[in-house]
């Protein structure tokens, strides 16, 4: 049950904050590049959030 919530949360963040749904191109390579960059941006944001969380507390 927690995994489903995590996936839905990450997908929502990628769509709203990082622009996953903003690609309007027509080619497979263009879509693939867009999704790859959004995924890298999401990984970066996640790592930043983890490194900035106060000691002794779990990140949200």
PDB file of N, CA and C in Angstrom:
ATOM      1  N   UNK A   1       0.828  -1.194   0.000  1.00  0.00           N
ATOM      2  CA  UNK A   1       0.000   0.000   0.000  1.00  0.00           C
ATOM      3  C   UNK A   1       0.872   1.258   0.000  1.00  0.00           C
ATOM      4  N   UNK A   2       1.989   1.241   0.715  1.00  0.00           N
ATOM      5  CA  UNK A   2       2.859   2.420   0.745  1.00  0.00           C
ATOM      6  C   UNK A   2       3.536   2.646  -0.604  1.00  0.00           C
ATOM      7  N   UNK A   3       3.855   1.566  -1.308  1.00  0.00           N
ATOM      8  CA  UNK A   3       4.512   1.703  -2.605  1.00  0.00           C
ATOM      9  C   UNK A   3       3.589   2.394  -3.603  1.00  0.00           C
ATOM     10  N   UNK A   4       2.317   2.025  -3.600  1.00  0.00           N
ATOM     11  CA  UNK A   4       1.374   2.661  -4.517  1.00  0.00           C
ATOM     12  C   UNK A   4       1.288   4.157  -4.235  1.00  0.00           C
ATOM     13  N   UNK A   5       1.233   4.544  -2.960  1.00  0.00           N
ATOM     14  CA  UNK A   5       1.170   5.961  -2.606  1.00  0.00           C
ATOM     15  C   UNK A   5       2.421   6.682  -3.094  1.00  0.00           C
ATOM     16  N   UNK A   6       3.587   6.058  -2.908  1.00  0.00           N
ATOM     17  CA  UNK A   6       4.849   6.671  -3.324  1.00  0.00           C
ATOM     18  C   UNK A   6       4.862   6.894  -4.836  1.00  0.00           C
ATOM     19  N   UNK A   7       4.416   5.886  -5.580  1.00  0.00           N
ATOM     20  CA  UNK A   7       4.396   6.003  -7.039  1.00  0.00           C
ATOM     21  C   UNK A   7       3.452   7.121  -7.469  1.00  0.00           C
ATOM     22  N   UNK A   8       2.261   7.167  -6.896  1.00  0.00           N
ATOM     23  CA  UNK A   8       1.296   8.207  -7.245  1.00  0.00           C
ATOM     24  C   UNK A   8       1.822   9.593  -6.873  1.00  0.00           C
ATOM     25  N   UNK A   9       2.469   9.701  -5.726  1.00  0.00           N
ATOM     26  CA  UNK A   9       3.038  10.985  -5.291  1.00  0.00           C
ATOM     27  C   UNK A   9       4.130  11.440  -6.255  1.00  0.00           C
ATOM     28  N   UNK A  10       5.039  10.530  -6.602  1.00  0.00           N
ATOM     29  CA  UNK A  10       6.129  10.886  -7.511  1.00  0.00           C
ATOM     30  C   UNK A  10       5.601  11.260  -8.893  1.00  0.00           C
ATOM     31  N   UNK A  11       4.624  10.510  -9.386  1.00  0.00           N
ATOM     32  CA  UNK A  11       4.052  10.801 -10.702  1.00  0.00           C
ATOM     33  C   UNK A  11       3.386  12.175 -10.702  1.00  0.00           C
ATOM     34  N   UNK A  12       2.648  12.498  -9.638  1.00  0.00           N
ATOM     35  CA  UNK A  12       1.993  13.800  -9.521  1.00  0.00           C
ATOM     36  C   UNK A  12       3.037  14.913  -9.491  1.00  0.00           C
ATOM     37  N   UNK A  13       4.118  14.701  -8.737  1.00  0.00           N
ATOM     38  CA  UNK A  13       5.183  15.709  -8.670  1.00  0.00           C
ATOM     39  C   UNK A  13       5.837  15.895 -10.037  1.00  0.00           C
ATOM     40  N   UNK A  14       6.079  14.796 -10.741  1.00  0.00           N
ATOM     41  CA  UNK A  14       6.706  14.891 -12.056  1.00  0.00           C
ATOM     42  C   UNK A  14       5.789  15.606 -13.051  1.00  0.00           C
ATOM     43  N   UNK A  15       4.502  15.395 -12.951  1.00  0.00           N
ATOM     44  CA  UNK A  15       3.559  16.059 -13.852  1.00  0.00           C
ATOM     45  C   UNK A  15       3.410  17.535 -13.525  1.00  0.00           C
ATOM     46  N   UNK A  16       3.213  17.863 -12.264  1.00  0.00           N
ATOM     47  CA  UNK A  16       2.890  19.237 -11.882  1.00  0.00           C
ATOM     48  C   UNK A  16       4.122  20.126 -11.761  1.00  0.00           C
ATOM     49  N   UNK A  17       5.120  19.671 -11.050  1.00  0.00           N
ATOM     50  CA  UNK A  17       6.269  20.532 -10.754  1.00  0.00           C
ATOM     51  C   UNK A  17       7.353  20.477 -11.827  1.00  0.00           C
ATOM     52  N   UNK A  18       7.489  19.330 -12.490  1.00  0.00           N
ATOM     53  CA  UNK A  18       8.618  19.163 -13.404  1.00  0.00           C
ATOM     54  C   UNK A  18       8.226  19.114 -14.877  1.00  0.00           C
ATOM     55  N   UNK A  19       6.939  19.182 -15.183  1.00  0.00           N
ATOM     56  CA  UNK A  19       6.510  19.308 -16.571  1.00  0.00           C
ATOM     57  C   UNK A  19       6.447  18.028 -17.375  1.00  0.00           C
ATOM     58  N   UNK A  20       6.190  16.909 -16.749  1.00  0.00           N
ATOM     59  CA  UNK A  20       6.121  15.644 -17.487  1.00  0.00           C
ATOM     60  C   UNK A  20       5.062  15.688 -18.582  1.00  0.00           C
ATOM     61  N   UNK A  21       3.943  16.323 -18.342  1.00  0.00           N
ATOM     62  CA  UNK A  21       2.840  16.338 -19.306  1.00  0.00           C
ATOM     63  C   UNK A  21       2.933  17.486 -20.314  1.00  0.00           C
ATOM     64  N   UNK A  22       4.006  18.257 -20.304  1.00  0.00           N
ATOM     65  CA  UNK A  22       4.097  19.430 -21.169  1.00  0.00           C
ATOM     66  C   UNK A  22       4.656  19.150 -22.552  1.00  0.00           C
ATOM     67  N   UNK A  23       5.064  17.932 -22.835  1.00  0.00           N
ATOM     68  CA  UNK A  23       5.638  17.636 -24.148  1.00  0.00           C
ATOM     69  C   UNK A  23       4.533  17.547 -25.184  1.00  0.00           C
ATOM     70  N   UNK A  24       4.678  18.296 -26.279  1.00  0.00           N
ATOM     71  CA  UNK A  24       3.685  18.273 -27.345  1.00  0.00           C
ATOM     72  C   UNK A  24       4.318  17.939 -28.685  1.00  0.00           C
ATOM     73  N   UNK A  25       5.464  17.301 -28.670  1.00  0.00           N
ATOM     74  CA  UNK A  25       6.143  16.947 -29.907  1.00  0.00           C
ATOM     75  C   UNK A  25       5.527  15.733 -30.569  1.00  0.00           C
ATOM     76  N   UNK A  26       6.105  15.354 -31.689  1.00  0.00           N
ATOM     77  CA  UNK A  26       5.542  14.263 -32.469  1.00  0.00           C
ATOM     78  C   UNK A  26       6.464  13.053 -32.591  1.00  0.00           C
ATOM     79  N   UNK A  27       7.692  13.180 -32.179  1.00  0.00           N
ATOM     80  CA  UNK A  27       8.628  12.080 -32.425  1.00  0.00           C
ATOM     81  C   UNK A  27       8.908  11.288 -31.159  1.00  0.00           C
ATOM     82  N   UNK A  28       9.234  10.019 -31.365  1.00  0.00           N
ATOM     83  CA  UNK A  28       9.620   9.154 -30.255  1.00  0.00           C
ATOM     84  C   UNK A  28      10.900   9.664 -29.590  1.00  0.00           C
ATOM     85  N   UNK A  29      11.953   9.989 -30.352  1.00  0.00           N
ATOM     86  CA  UNK A  29      13.169  10.480 -29.691  1.00  0.00           C
ATOM     87  C   UNK A  29      12.921  11.753 -28.874  1.00  0.00           C
ATOM     88  N   UNK A  30      12.087  12.654 -29.385  1.00  0.00           N
ATOM     89  CA  UNK A  30      11.788  13.873 -28.637  1.00  0.00           C
ATOM     90  C   UNK A  30      11.080  13.574 -27.327  1.00  0.00           C
ATOM     91  N   UNK A  31      10.086  12.691 -27.378  1.00  0.00           N
ATOM     92  CA  UNK A  31       9.366  12.301 -26.159  1.00  0.00           C
ATOM     93  C   UNK A  31      10.314  11.619 -25.185  1.00  0.00           C
ATOM     94  N   UNK A  32      11.166  10.738 -25.707  1.00  0.00           N
ATOM     95  CA  UNK A  32      12.103  10.001 -24.862  1.00  0.00           C
ATOM     96  C   UNK A  32      13.074  10.954 -24.174  1.00  0.00           C
ATOM     97  N   UNK A  33      13.578  11.929 -24.899  1.00  0.00           N
ATOM     98  CA  UNK A  33      14.490  12.914 -24.301  1.00  0.00           C
ATOM     99  C   UNK A  33      13.781  13.715 -23.211  1.00  0.00           C
ATOM    100  N   UNK A  34      12.552  14.112 -23.477  1.00  0.00           N
ATOM    101  CA  UNK A  34      11.789  14.887 -22.495  1.00  0.00           C
ATOM    102  C   UNK A  34      11.574  14.092 -21.213  1.00  0.00           C
ATOM    103  N   UNK A  35      11.136  12.846 -21.347  1.00  0.00           N
ATOM    104  CA  UNK A  35      10.883  12.002 -20.173  1.00  0.00           C
ATOM    105  C   UNK A  35      12.184  11.730 -19.422  1.00  0.00           C
ATOM    106  N   UNK A  36      13.272  11.546 -20.147  1.00  0.00           N
ATOM    107  CA  UNK A  36      14.566  11.313 -19.504  1.00  0.00           C
ATOM    108  C   UNK A  36      14.987  12.529 -18.679  1.00  0.00           C
ATOM    109  N   UNK A  37      14.854  13.721 -19.240  1.00  0.00           N
ATOM    110  CA  UNK A  37      15.234  14.932 -18.504  1.00  0.00           C
ATOM    111  C   UNK A  37      14.342  15.164 -17.291  1.00  0.00           C
ATOM    112  N   UNK A  38      13.054  14.897 -17.423  1.00  0.00           N
ATOM    113  CA  UNK A  38      12.153  15.037 -16.278  1.00  0.00           C
ATOM    114  C   UNK A  38      12.540  14.044 -15.187  1.00  0.00           C
ATOM    115  N   UNK A  39      12.899  12.823 -15.579  1.00  0.00           N
ATOM    116  CA  UNK A  39      13.298  11.806 -14.599  1.00  0.00           C
ATOM    117  C   UNK A  39      14.583  12.205 -13.879  1.00  0.00           C
ATOM    118  N   UNK A  40      15.528  12.760 -14.606  1.00  0.00           N
ATOM    119  CA  UNK A  40      16.778  13.219 -13.993  1.00  0.00           C
ATOM    120  C   UNK A  40      16.501  14.387 -13.044  1.00  0.00           C
ATOM    121  N   UNK A  41      15.633  15.297 -13.451  1.00  0.00           N
ATOM    122  CA  UNK A  41      15.272  16.419 -12.574  1.00  0.00           C
ATOM    123  C   UNK A  41      14.587  15.914 -11.308  1.00  0.00           C
ATOM    124  N   UNK A  42      13.740  14.913 -11.441  1.00  0.00           N
ATOM    125  CA  UNK A  42      13.059  14.344 -10.275  1.00  0.00           C
ATOM    126  C   UNK A  42      14.074  13.693  -9.336  1.00  0.00           C
ATOM    127  N   UNK A  43      15.030  12.953  -9.890  1.00  0.00           N
ATOM    128  CA  UNK A  43      16.062  12.326  -9.060  1.00  0.00           C
ATOM    129  C   UNK A  43      16.880  13.390  -8.327  1.00  0.00           C
ATOM    130  N   UNK A  44      17.226  14.467  -9.016  1.00  0.00           N
ATOM    131  CA  UNK A  44      17.982  15.553  -8.394  1.00  0.00           C
ATOM    132  C   UNK A  44      17.193  16.183  -7.247  1.00  0.00           C
ATOM    133  N   UNK A  45      15.919  16.476  -7.483  1.00  0.00           N
ATOM    134  CA  UNK A  45      15.081  17.080  -6.433  1.00  0.00           C
ATOM    135  C   UNK A  45      14.947  16.145  -5.235  1.00  0.00           C
ATOM    136  N   UNK A  46      14.805  14.865  -5.501  1.00  0.00           N
ATOM    137  CA  UNK A  46      14.687  13.890  -4.418  1.00  0.00           C
ATOM    138  C   UNK A  46      15.969  13.845  -3.595  1.00  0.00           C
ATOM    139  N   UNK A  47      17.114  13.818  -4.264  1.00  0.00           N
ATOM    140  CA  UNK A  47      18.390  13.800  -3.544  1.00  0.00           C
ATOM    141  C   UNK A  47      18.588  15.081  -2.736  1.00  0.00           C
ATOM    142  N   UNK A  48      18.216  16.217  -3.296  1.00  0.00           N
ATOM    143  CA  UNK A  48      18.326  17.480  -2.561  1.00  0.00           C
ATOM    144  C   UNK A  48      17.442  17.460  -1.321  1.00  0.00           C
ATOM    145  N   UNK A  49      16.247  16.944  -1.471  1.00  0.00           N
ATOM    146  CA  UNK A  49      15.320  16.868  -0.338  1.00  0.00           C
ATOM    147  C   UNK A  49      15.883  15.960   0.752  1.00  0.00           C
ATOM    148  N   UNK A  50      16.497  14.854   0.363  1.00  0.00           N
ATOM    149  CA  UNK A  50      17.051  13.917   1.339  1.00  0.00           C
ATOM    150  C   UNK A  50      18.265  14.492   2.060  1.00  0.00           C
ATOM    151  N   UNK A  51      19.115  15.220   1.349  1.00  0.00           N
ATOM    152  CA  UNK A  51      20.316  15.764   1.975  1.00  0.00           C
ATOM    153  C   UNK A  51      20.015  16.988   2.832  1.00  0.00           C
ATOM    154  N   UNK A  52      18.918  17.667   2.588  1.00  0.00           N
ATOM    155  CA  UNK A  52      18.570  18.866   3.357  1.00  0.00           C
ATOM    156  C   UNK A  52      17.657  18.578   4.536  1.00  0.00           C
ATOM    157  N   UNK A  53      17.181  17.340   4.681  1.00  0.00           N
ATOM    158  CA  UNK A  53      16.284  17.050   5.804  1.00  0.00           C
ATOM    159  C   UNK A  53      17.078  17.082   7.105  1.00  0.00           C
ATOM    160  N   UNK A  54      16.471  17.589   8.171  1.00  0.00           N
ATOM    161  CA  UNK A  54      17.162  17.670   9.460  1.00  0.00           C
ATOM    162  C   UNK A  54      17.578  16.290   9.968  1.00  0.00           C
ATOM    163  N   UNK A  55      18.674  16.250  10.675  1.00  0.00           N
ATOM    164  CA  UNK A  55      19.171  14.985  11.221  1.00  0.00           C
ATOM    165  C   UNK A  55      18.162  14.397  12.196  1.00  0.00           C
ATOM    166  N   UNK A  56      17.996  13.087  12.115  1.00  0.00           N
ATOM    167  CA  UNK A  56      17.118  12.398  13.048  1.00  0.00           C
ATOM    168  C   UNK A  56      15.655  12.378  12.652  1.00  0.00           C
ATOM    169  N   UNK A  57      15.330  13.000  11.506  1.00  0.00           N
ATOM    170  CA  UNK A  57      13.945  12.955  11.048  1.00  0.00           C
ATOM    171  C   UNK A  57      13.891  12.281   9.692  1.00  0.00           C
ATOM    172  N   UNK A  58      12.830  11.582   9.453  1.00  0.00           N
ATOM    173  CA  UNK A  58      12.655  10.917   8.168  1.00  0.00           C
ATOM    174  C   UNK A  58      12.093  11.915   7.164  1.00  0.00           C
ATOM    175  N   UNK A  59      12.590  11.883   5.922  1.00  0.00           N
ATOM    176  CA  UNK A  59      12.044  12.777   4.909  1.00  0.00           C
ATOM    177  C   UNK A  59      10.615  12.377   4.558  1.00  0.00           C
ATOM    178  N   UNK A  60       9.820  13.349   4.198  1.00  0.00           N
ATOM    179  CA  UNK A  60       8.410  13.081   3.856  1.00  0.00           C
ATOM    180  C   UNK A  60       8.289  12.467   2.488  1.00  0.00           C
TER     181      UNK A  60
END
